[in-house]
Amino acid sequence: MLKLFETRDRQLKDALELRRLETKYGDELVAVLRDRAADRSMRIRDRRHWQRILRKARNLGPR
């Protein structure tokens, strides 16, 4: 989903989740998100959520 079409609420929730995950996983964050986004045992809705978070993590670049 393009940022243009995201609600402010969704942007804030994703930013908070991304910050929490970054604290938990550190340098492994992108790898963990990639695994979650590709996990076929999850529902498609959940995989799309992780794909969106992964895109945002990649856009942040190295920290």
Protein backbone atom coordinates (compact mmCIF):
# COMPACT_ATOMS: atom_id res chain seq x y z
CA MET A 1 0.00 0.00 0.00
CA LEU A 2 1.33 3.39 -0.88
CA LYS A 3 1.92 5.80 1.94
CA LEU A 4 -0.33 8.27 0.15
CA PHE A 5 -3.33 6.01 0.81
CA GLU A 6 -2.50 5.10 4.40
CA THR A 7 -4.33 6.68 7.26
CA ARG A 8 -2.32 8.57 9.84
CA ASP A 9 -3.41 6.00 12.41
CA ARG A 10 -2.00 3.13 10.31
CA GLN A 11 1.28 5.01 9.79
CA LEU A 12 1.67 5.56 13.53
CA LYS A 13 0.83 1.95 14.44
CA ASP A 14 3.29 0.62 11.85
CA ALA A 15 6.02 3.00 13.04
CA LEU A 16 5.53 1.89 16.65
CA GLU A 17 5.55 -1.77 15.69
CA LEU A 18 8.64 -1.31 13.55
CA ARG A 19 10.44 0.47 16.40
CA ARG A 20 9.49 -2.31 18.83
CA LEU A 21 10.66 -5.01 16.42
CA GLU A 22 13.89 -3.16 15.70
CA THR A 23 14.62 -3.03 19.43
CA LYS A 24 13.91 -6.74 19.76
CA TYR A 25 15.74 -8.05 16.66
CA GLY A 26 18.32 -5.36 15.88
CA ASP A 27 20.38 -6.14 12.79
CA GLU A 28 18.36 -9.30 12.12
CA LEU A 29 15.13 -7.33 11.64
CA VAL A 30 14.91 -7.55 7.84
CA ALA A 31 15.70 -11.28 7.86
CA VAL A 32 13.02 -11.95 10.50
CA LEU A 33 10.45 -9.89 8.62
CA ARG A 34 11.36 -11.61 5.35
CA ASP A 35 10.78 -15.01 6.99
CA ARG A 36 7.43 -13.93 8.43
CA ALA A 37 6.30 -12.45 5.11
CA ALA A 38 7.10 -15.72 3.33
CA ASP A 39 5.64 -18.07 5.97
CA ARG A 40 2.97 -20.02 4.09
CA SER A 41 1.53 -21.40 7.33
CA MET A 42 0.13 -17.92 8.12
CA ARG A 43 -3.04 -16.53 6.68
CA ILE A 44 -2.60 -14.27 3.64
CA ARG A 45 -3.86 -11.32 5.69
CA ASP A 46 -1.04 -11.81 8.21
CA ARG A 47 1.59 -12.28 5.48
CA ARG A 48 0.48 -9.03 3.83
CA HIS A 49 0.86 -7.27 7.17
CA TRP A 50 4.45 -8.53 7.48
CA GLN A 51 5.15 -7.65 3.84
CA ARG A 52 4.03 -4.07 4.54
CA ILE A 53 6.22 -3.86 7.65
CA LEU A 54 9.14 -5.36 5.70
CA ARG A 55 8.78 -2.71 2.96
CA LYS A 56 8.88 0.02 5.58
CA ALA A 57 11.92 -1.53 7.27
CA ARG A 58 13.76 -1.66 3.94
CA ASN A 59 12.86 1.97 3.22
CA LEU A 60 14.44 3.02 6.53
CA GLY A 61 17.77 1.70 5.34
CA PRO A 62 20.72 0.91 7.59
CA ARG A 63 20.70 2.43 11.05
